[in-house]
Amino acid sequence: MKSTKIRLSTIADVRDFVNIVSQSEIDIDLASGRYLVDGKSIMGIFSLDLMSPITMTAHSDNTDELFAKLDRFIIKE
């Protein structure tokens, strides 16, 4: 399991994010505040506060390829 902070600023970002994670068999959870949604659900993502960073958790030990595809959404600290 690996977690990181991401930012989805636009509708296009949400669409592109869901398209990428939907191609993966890895389960993705997104958390914002006390809300937790499936990262493959567009409606779920739109229920989150997209103005704040979102915590993305990938439920797999082999996440390097997925995280490389999602690099533009990951907040570098």
PDB file of N, CA and C in Angstrom:
ATOM      1  N   MET A   1       0.846  -1.168   0.000  1.00  0.00           N
ATOM      2  CA  MET A   1       0.000   0.000   0.000  1.00  0.00           C
ATOM      3  C   MET A   1       0.900   1.244   0.000  1.00  0.00           C
ATOM      4  N   LYS A   2       0.563   2.199  -0.864  1.00  0.00           N
ATOM      5  CA  LYS A   2       1.354   3.419  -0.970  1.00  0.00           C
ATOM      6  C   LYS A   2       0.411   4.607  -1.076  1.00  0.00           C
ATOM      7  N   SER A   3       0.721   5.691  -0.343  1.00  0.00           N
ATOM      8  CA  SER A   3      -0.113   6.890  -0.357  1.00  0.00           C
ATOM      9  C   SER A   3       0.694   8.103  -0.773  1.00  0.00           C
ATOM     10  N   THR A   4      -0.005   9.067  -1.380  1.00  0.00           N
ATOM     11  CA  THR A   4       0.602  10.335  -1.759  1.00  0.00           C
ATOM     12  C   THR A   4      -0.495  11.379  -1.870  1.00  0.00           C
ATOM     13  N   LYS A   5      -0.104  12.634  -1.915  1.00  0.00           N
ATOM     14  CA  LYS A   5      -1.058  13.736  -2.101  1.00  0.00           C
ATOM     15  C   LYS A   5      -1.138  14.075  -3.582  1.00  0.00           C
ATOM     16  N   ILE A   6      -2.370  14.310  -4.057  1.00  0.00           N
ATOM     17  CA  ILE A   6      -2.569  14.696  -5.448  1.00  0.00           C
ATOM     18  C   ILE A   6      -3.453  15.936  -5.515  1.00  0.00           C
ATOM     19  N   ARG A   7      -3.457  16.567  -6.682  1.00  0.00           N
ATOM     20  CA  ARG A   7      -4.345  17.700  -6.931  1.00  0.00           C
ATOM     21  C   ARG A   7      -5.046  17.468  -8.267  1.00  0.00           C
ATOM     22  N   LEU A   8      -6.369  17.576  -8.234  1.00  0.00           N
ATOM     23  CA  LEU A   8      -7.200  17.471  -9.429  1.00  0.00           C
ATOM     24  C   LEU A   8      -7.933  18.808  -9.561  1.00  0.00           C
ATOM     25  N   SER A   9      -7.362  19.727 -10.343  1.00  0.00           N
ATOM     26  CA  SER A   9      -7.841  21.101 -10.377  1.00  0.00           C
ATOM     27  C   SER A   9      -8.979  21.353 -11.353  1.00  0.00           C
ATOM     28  N   THR A  10      -9.084  20.548 -12.396  1.00  0.00           N
ATOM     29  CA  THR A  10     -10.080  20.810 -13.430  1.00  0.00           C
ATOM     30  C   THR A  10     -10.895  19.553 -13.722  1.00  0.00           C
ATOM     31  N   ILE A  11     -11.981  19.757 -14.445  1.00  0.00           N
ATOM     32  CA  ILE A  11     -12.796  18.623 -14.874  1.00  0.00           C
ATOM     33  C   ILE A  11     -11.972  17.695 -15.767  1.00  0.00           C
ATOM     34  N   ALA A  12     -11.148  18.279 -16.624  1.00  0.00           N
ATOM     35  CA  ALA A  12     -10.281  17.473 -17.497  1.00  0.00           C
ATOM     36  C   ALA A  12      -9.301  16.642 -16.673  1.00  0.00           C
ATOM     37  N   ASP A  13      -8.767  17.213 -15.577  1.00  0.00           N
ATOM     38  CA  ASP A  13      -7.866  16.465 -14.699  1.00  0.00           C
ATOM     39  C   ASP A  13      -8.579  15.247 -14.111  1.00  0.00           C
ATOM     40  N   VAL A  14      -9.811  15.447 -13.644  1.00  0.00           N
ATOM     41  CA  VAL A  14     -10.578  14.336 -13.057  1.00  0.00           C
ATOM     42  C   VAL A  14     -10.815  13.260 -14.115  1.00  0.00           C
ATOM     43  N   ARG A  15     -11.223  13.666 -15.312  1.00  0.00           N
ATOM     44  CA  ARG A  15     -11.474  12.716 -16.405  1.00  0.00           C
ATOM     45  C   ARG A  15     -10.207  11.920 -16.747  1.00  0.00           C
ATOM     46  N   ASP A  16      -9.074  12.632 -16.893  1.00  0.00           N
ATOM     47  CA  ASP A  16      -7.814  11.970 -17.232  1.00  0.00           C
ATOM     48  C   ASP A  16      -7.361  11.041 -16.118  1.00  0.00           C
ATOM     49  N   PHE A  17      -7.496  11.471 -14.858  1.00  0.00           N
ATOM     50  CA  PHE A  17      -7.119  10.646 -13.714  1.00  0.00           C
ATOM     51  C   PHE A  17      -7.925   9.345 -13.714  1.00  0.00           C
ATOM     52  N   VAL A  18      -9.244   9.453 -13.867  1.00  0.00           N
ATOM     53  CA  VAL A  18     -10.107   8.265 -13.847  1.00  0.00           C
ATOM     54  C   VAL A  18      -9.776   7.344 -15.020  1.00  0.00           C
ATOM     55  N   ASN A  19      -9.494   7.906 -16.190  1.00  0.00           N
ATOM     56  CA  ASN A  19      -9.127   7.074 -17.343  1.00  0.00           C
ATOM     57  C   ASN A  19      -7.856   6.280 -17.064  1.00  0.00           C
ATOM     58  N   ILE A  20      -6.871   6.904 -16.412  1.00  0.00           N
ATOM     59  CA  ILE A  20      -5.607   6.221 -16.105  1.00  0.00           C
ATOM     60  C   ILE A  20      -5.821   5.123 -15.066  1.00  0.00           C
ATOM     61  N   VAL A  21      -6.473   5.454 -13.943  1.00  0.00           N
ATOM     62  CA  VAL A  21      -6.612   4.455 -12.874  1.00  0.00           C
ATOM     63  C   VAL A  21      -7.582   3.340 -13.254  1.00  0.00           C
ATOM     64  N   SER A  22      -8.524   3.618 -14.149  1.00  0.00           N
ATOM     65  CA  SER A  22      -9.470   2.578 -14.570  1.00  0.00           C
ATOM     66  C   SER A  22      -8.790   1.501 -15.398  1.00  0.00           C
ATOM     67  N   GLN A  23      -7.676   1.815 -16.025  1.00  0.00           N
ATOM     68  CA  GLN A  23      -6.936   0.837 -16.808  1.00  0.00           C
ATOM     69  C   GLN A  23      -6.089  -0.081 -15.926  1.00  0.00           C
ATOM     70  N   SER A  24      -5.966   0.267 -14.655  1.00  0.00           N
ATOM     71  CA  SER A  24      -5.158  -0.513 -13.719  1.00  0.00           C
ATOM     72  C   SER A  24      -6.061  -1.424 -12.888  1.00  0.00           C
ATOM     73  N   GLU A  25      -5.522  -2.550 -12.465  1.00  0.00           N
ATOM     74  CA  GLU A  25      -6.278  -3.445 -11.593  1.00  0.00           C
ATOM     75  C   GLU A  25      -6.081  -3.108 -10.121  1.00  0.00           C
ATOM     76  N   ILE A  26      -5.254  -2.105  -9.841  1.00  0.00           N
ATOM     77  CA  ILE A  26      -4.975  -1.689  -8.463  1.00  0.00           C
ATOM     78  C   ILE A  26      -6.163  -0.899  -7.927  1.00  0.00           C
ATOM     79  N   ASP A  27      -6.588  -1.222  -6.704  1.00  0.00           N
ATOM     80  CA  ASP A  27      -7.659  -0.461  -6.058  1.00  0.00           C
ATOM     81  C   ASP A  27      -7.098   0.865  -5.568  1.00  0.00           C
ATOM     82  N   ILE A  28      -7.811   1.952  -5.871  1.00  0.00           N
ATOM     83  CA  ILE A  28      -7.387   3.299  -5.504  1.00  0.00           C
ATOM     84  C   ILE A  28      -8.466   3.929  -4.633  1.00  0.00           C
ATOM     85  N   ASP A  29      -8.064   4.463  -3.483  1.00  0.00           N
ATOM     86  CA  ASP A  29      -8.960   5.231  -2.629  1.00  0.00           C
ATOM     87  C   ASP A  29      -8.489   6.676  -2.612  1.00  0.00           C
ATOM     88  N   LEU A  30      -9.449   7.609  -2.601  1.00  0.00           N
ATOM     89  CA  LEU A  30      -9.139   9.028  -2.462  1.00  0.00           C
ATOM     90  C   LEU A  30      -9.812   9.529  -1.197  1.00  0.00           C
ATOM     91  N   ALA A  31      -9.057  10.280  -0.396  1.00  0.00           N
ATOM     92  CA  ALA A  31      -9.581  10.800   0.861  1.00  0.00           C
ATOM     93  C   ALA A  31      -9.395  12.306   0.927  1.00  0.00           C
ATOM     94  N   SER A  32     -10.458  12.977   1.355  1.00  0.00           N
ATOM     95  CA  SER A  32     -10.418  14.415   1.585  1.00  0.00           C
ATOM     96  C   SER A  32     -11.214  14.679   2.845  1.00  0.00           C
ATOM     97  N   GLY A  33     -10.517  15.130   3.876  1.00  0.00           N
ATOM     98  CA  GLY A  33     -11.189  15.295   5.167  1.00  0.00           C
ATOM     99  C   GLY A  33     -11.652  13.948   5.679  1.00  0.00           C
ATOM    100  N   ARG A  34     -12.927  13.852   6.009  1.00  0.00           N
ATOM    101  CA  ARG A  34     -13.450  12.581   6.521  1.00  0.00           C
ATOM    102  C   ARG A  34     -14.106  11.725   5.441  1.00  0.00           C
ATOM    103  N   TYR A  35     -14.027  12.169   4.199  1.00  0.00           N
ATOM    104  CA  TYR A  35     -14.644  11.451   3.083  1.00  0.00           C
ATOM    105  C   TYR A  35     -13.631  10.561   2.379  1.00  0.00           C
ATOM    106  N   LEU A  36     -14.060   9.347   2.040  1.00  0.00           N
ATOM    107  CA  LEU A  36     -13.236   8.369   1.338  1.00  0.00           C
ATOM    108  C   LEU A  36     -14.061   7.836   0.171  1.00  0.00           C
ATOM    109  N   VAL A  37     -13.496   7.931  -1.047  1.00  0.00           N
ATOM    110  CA  VAL A  37     -14.223   7.468  -2.237  1.00  0.00           C
ATOM    111  C   VAL A  37     -13.321   6.582  -3.090  1.00  0.00           C
ATOM    112  N   ASP A  38     -13.955   5.822  -3.970  1.00  0.00           N
ATOM    113  CA  ASP A  38     -13.250   4.986  -4.939  1.00  0.00           C
ATOM    114  C   ASP A  38     -12.610   5.898  -5.981  1.00  0.00           C
ATOM    115  N   GLY A  39     -11.313   5.746  -6.219  1.00  0.00           N
ATOM    116  CA  GLY A  39     -10.601   6.582  -7.175  1.00  0.00           C
ATOM    117  C   GLY A  39     -10.991   6.356  -8.617  1.00  0.00           C
ATOM    118  N   LYS A  40     -11.774   5.314  -8.892  1.00  0.00           N
ATOM    119  CA  LYS A  40     -12.223   5.031 -10.257  1.00  0.00           C
ATOM    120  C   LYS A  40     -13.633   5.564 -10.505  1.00  0.00           C
ATOM    121  N   SER A  41     -14.183   6.293  -9.536  1.00  0.00           N
ATOM    122  CA  SER A  41     -15.546   6.811  -9.625  1.00  0.00           C
ATOM    123  C   SER A  41     -15.526   8.326  -9.860  1.00  0.00           C
ATOM    124  N   ILE A  42     -15.938   8.735 -11.053  1.00  0.00           N
ATOM    125  CA  ILE A  42     -15.983  10.169 -11.355  1.00  0.00           C
ATOM    126  C   ILE A  42     -16.934  10.875 -10.396  1.00  0.00           C
ATOM    127  N   MET A  43     -18.109  10.314 -10.163  1.00  0.00           N
ATOM    128  CA  MET A  43     -19.077  10.946  -9.263  1.00  0.00           C
ATOM    129  C   MET A  43     -18.525  11.034  -7.845  1.00  0.00           C
ATOM    130  N   GLY A  44     -17.834   9.989  -7.409  1.00  0.00           N
ATOM    131  CA  GLY A  44     -17.236  10.011  -6.083  1.00  0.00           C
ATOM    132  C   GLY A  44     -16.200  11.118  -5.953  1.00  0.00           C
ATOM    133  N   ILE A  45     -15.362  11.273  -6.963  1.00  0.00           N
ATOM    134  CA  ILE A  45     -14.314  12.297  -6.934  1.00  0.00           C
ATOM    135  C   ILE A  45     -14.930  13.686  -6.884  1.00  0.00           C
ATOM    136  N   PHE A  46     -16.009  13.914  -7.631  1.00  0.00           N
ATOM    137  CA  PHE A  46     -16.646  15.226  -7.626  1.00  0.00           C
ATOM    138  C   PHE A  46     -17.338  15.536  -6.302  1.00  0.00           C
ATOM    139  N   SER A  47     -17.509  14.546  -5.437  1.00  0.00           N
ATOM    140  CA  SER A  47     -18.084  14.806  -4.118  1.00  0.00           C
ATOM    141  C   SER A  47     -17.025  15.290  -3.123  1.00  0.00           C
ATOM    142  N   LEU A  48     -15.750  15.237  -3.529  1.00  0.00           N
ATOM    143  CA  LEU A  48     -14.660  15.685  -2.662  1.00  0.00           C
ATOM    144  C   LEU A  48     -14.395  17.182  -2.839  1.00  0.00           C
ATOM    145  N   ASP A  49     -13.668  17.753  -1.886  1.00  0.00           N
ATOM    146  CA  ASP A  49     -13.226  19.145  -1.980  1.00  0.00           C
ATOM    147  C   ASP A  49     -12.008  19.185  -2.888  1.00  0.00           C
ATOM    148  N   LEU A  50     -12.204  19.550  -4.153  1.00  0.00           N
ATOM    149  CA  LEU A  50     -11.115  19.531  -5.126  1.00  0.00           C
ATOM    150  C   LEU A  50     -10.210  20.749  -5.019  1.00  0.00           C
ATOM    151  N   MET A  51     -10.552  21.703  -4.163  1.00  0.00           N
ATOM    152  CA  MET A  51      -9.693  22.873  -3.965  1.00  0.00           C
ATOM    153  C   MET A  51      -8.524  22.554  -3.028  1.00  0.00           C
ATOM    154  N   SER A  52      -8.623  21.474  -2.300  1.00  0.00           N
ATOM    155  CA  SER A  52      -7.584  21.057  -1.356  1.00  0.00           C
ATOM    156  C   SER A  52      -6.869  19.822  -1.896  1.00  0.00           C
ATOM    157  N   PRO A  53      -5.637  19.582  -1.420  1.00  0.00           N
ATOM    158  CA  PRO A  53      -4.951  18.340  -1.813  1.00  0.00           C
ATOM    159  C   PRO A  53      -5.751  17.114  -1.359  1.00  0.00           C
ATOM    160  N   ILE A  54      -5.694  16.068  -2.152  1.00  0.00           N
ATOM    161  CA  ILE A  54      -6.417  14.821  -1.881  1.00  0.00           C
ATOM    162  C   ILE A  54      -5.387  13.731  -1.617  1.00  0.00           C
ATOM    163  N   THR A  55      -5.647  12.892  -0.631  1.00  0.00           N
ATOM    164  CA  THR A  55      -4.755  11.771  -0.351  1.00  0.00           C
ATOM    165  C   THR A  55      -5.180  10.576  -1.184  1.00  0.00           C
ATOM    166  N   MET A  56      -4.266  10.103  -2.029  1.00  0.00           N
ATOM    167  CA  MET A  56      -4.511   8.935  -2.861  1.00  0.00           C
ATOM    168  C   MET A  56      -3.783   7.745  -2.251  1.00  0.00           C
ATOM    169  N   THR A  57      -4.505   6.646  -2.071  1.00  0.00           N
ATOM    170  CA  THR A  57      -3.912   5.420  -1.551  1.00  0.00           C
ATOM    171  C   THR A  57      -4.109   4.306  -2.579  1.00  0.00           C
ATOM    172  N   ALA A  58      -2.998   3.710  -3.000  1.00  0.00           N
ATOM    173  CA  ALA A  58      -3.019   2.581  -3.929  1.00  0.00           C
ATOM    174  C   ALA A  58      -2.800   1.317  -3.114  1.00  0.00           C
ATOM    175  N   HIS A  59      -3.710   0.373  -3.222  1.00  0.00           N
ATOM    176  CA  HIS A  59      -3.667  -0.851  -2.429  1.00  0.00           C
ATOM    177  C   HIS A  59      -2.916  -1.951  -3.168  1.00  0.00           C
ATOM    178  N   SER A  60      -1.604  -1.748  -3.305  1.00  0.00           N
ATOM    179  CA  SER A  60      -0.731  -2.718  -3.954  1.00  0.00           C
ATOM    180  C   SER A  60       0.708  -2.385  -3.581  1.00  0.00           C
ATOM    181  N   ASP A  61       1.576  -3.375  -3.659  1.00  0.00           N
ATOM    182  CA  ASP A  61       2.997  -3.127  -3.420  1.00  0.00           C
ATOM    183  C   ASP A  61       3.721  -2.772  -4.715  1.00  0.00           C
ATOM    184  N   ASN A  62       3.081  -3.008  -5.848  1.00  0.00           N
ATOM    185  CA  ASN A  62       3.694  -2.752  -7.146  1.00  0.00           C
ATOM    186  C   ASN A  62       2.996  -1.557  -7.799  1.00  0.00           C
ATOM    187  N   THR A  63       3.306  -0.348  -7.333  1.00  0.00           N
ATOM    188  CA  THR A  63       2.606   0.854  -7.783  1.00  0.00           C
ATOM    189  C   THR A  63       3.466   1.766  -8.646  1.00  0.00           C
ATOM    190  N   ASP A  64       4.718   1.406  -8.896  1.00  0.00           N
ATOM    191  CA  ASP A  64       5.636   2.308  -9.596  1.00  0.00           C
ATOM    192  C   ASP A  64       5.125   2.728 -10.976  1.00  0.00           C
ATOM    193  N   GLU A  65       4.624   1.778 -11.756  1.00  0.00           N
ATOM    194  CA  GLU A  65       4.145   2.094 -13.106  1.00  0.00           C
ATOM    195  C   GLU A  65       2.925   3.022 -13.051  1.00  0.00           C
ATOM    196  N   LEU A  66       1.986   2.741 -12.144  1.00  0.00           N
ATOM    197  CA  LEU A  66       0.796   3.577 -12.004  1.00  0.00           C
ATOM    198  C   LEU A  66       1.173   4.985 -11.554  1.00  0.00           C
ATOM    199  N   PHE A  67       2.059   5.090 -10.558  1.00  0.00           N
ATOM    200  CA  PHE A  67       2.456   6.404 -10.064  1.00  0.00           C
ATOM    201  C   PHE A  67       3.200   7.197 -11.138  1.00  0.00           C
ATOM    202  N   ALA A  68       3.935   6.520 -12.008  1.00  0.00           N
ATOM    203  CA  ALA A  68       4.613   7.211 -13.111  1.00  0.00           C
ATOM    204  C   ALA A  68       3.589   7.809 -14.075  1.00  0.00           C
ATOM    205  N   LYS A  69       2.510   7.088 -14.344  1.00  0.00           N
ATOM    206  CA  LYS A  69       1.458   7.590 -15.226  1.00  0.00           C
ATOM    207  C   LYS A  69       0.702   8.760 -14.596  1.00  0.00           C
ATOM    208  N   LEU A  70       0.635   8.772 -13.253  1.00  0.00           N
ATOM    209  CA  LEU A  70      -0.106   9.811 -12.530  1.00  0.00           C
ATOM    210  C   LEU A  70       0.792  10.956 -12.066  1.00  0.00           C
ATOM    211  N   ASP A  71       2.017  10.987 -12.517  1.00  0.00           N
ATOM    212  CA  ASP A  71       3.008  11.946 -12.017  1.00  0.00           C
ATOM    213  C   ASP A  71       2.546  13.403 -12.080  1.00  0.00           C
ATOM    214  N   ARG A  72       1.836  13.786 -13.120  1.00  0.00           N
ATOM    215  CA  ARG A  72       1.433  15.193 -13.252  1.00  0.00           C
ATOM    216  C   ARG A  72       0.411  15.625 -12.217  1.00  0.00           C
ATOM    217  N   PHE A  73      -0.256  14.676 -11.560  1.00  0.00           N
ATOM    218  CA  PHE A  73      -1.234  14.997 -10.515  1.00  0.00           C
ATOM    219  C   PHE A  73      -0.614  14.997  -9.112  1.00  0.00           C
ATOM    220  N   ILE A  74       0.552  14.366  -8.959  1.00  0.00           N
ATOM    221  CA  ILE A  74       1.169  14.205  -7.639  1.00  0.00           C
ATOM    222  C   ILE A  74       1.808  15.520  -7.209  1.00  0.00           C
ATOM    223  N   ILE A  75       1.525  15.890  -5.959  1.00  0.00           N
ATOM    224  CA  ILE A  75       2.097  17.107  -5.387  1.00  0.00           C
ATOM    225  C   ILE A  75       3.491  16.772  -4.873  1.00  0.00           C
ATOM    226  N   LYS A  76       4.484  17.451  -5.413  1.00  0.00           N
ATOM    227  CA  LYS A  76       5.868  17.221  -4.990  1.00  0.00           C
ATOM    228  C   LYS A  76       6.137  18.072  -3.746  1.00  0.00           C
ATOM    229  N   GLU A  77       6.596  17.425  -2.705  1.00  0.00           N
ATOM    230  CA  GLU A  77       6.855  18.152  -1.453  1.00  0.00           C
ATOM    231  C   GLU A  77       8.313  18.333  -1.202  1.00  0.00           C
TER     232      GLU A  77
END
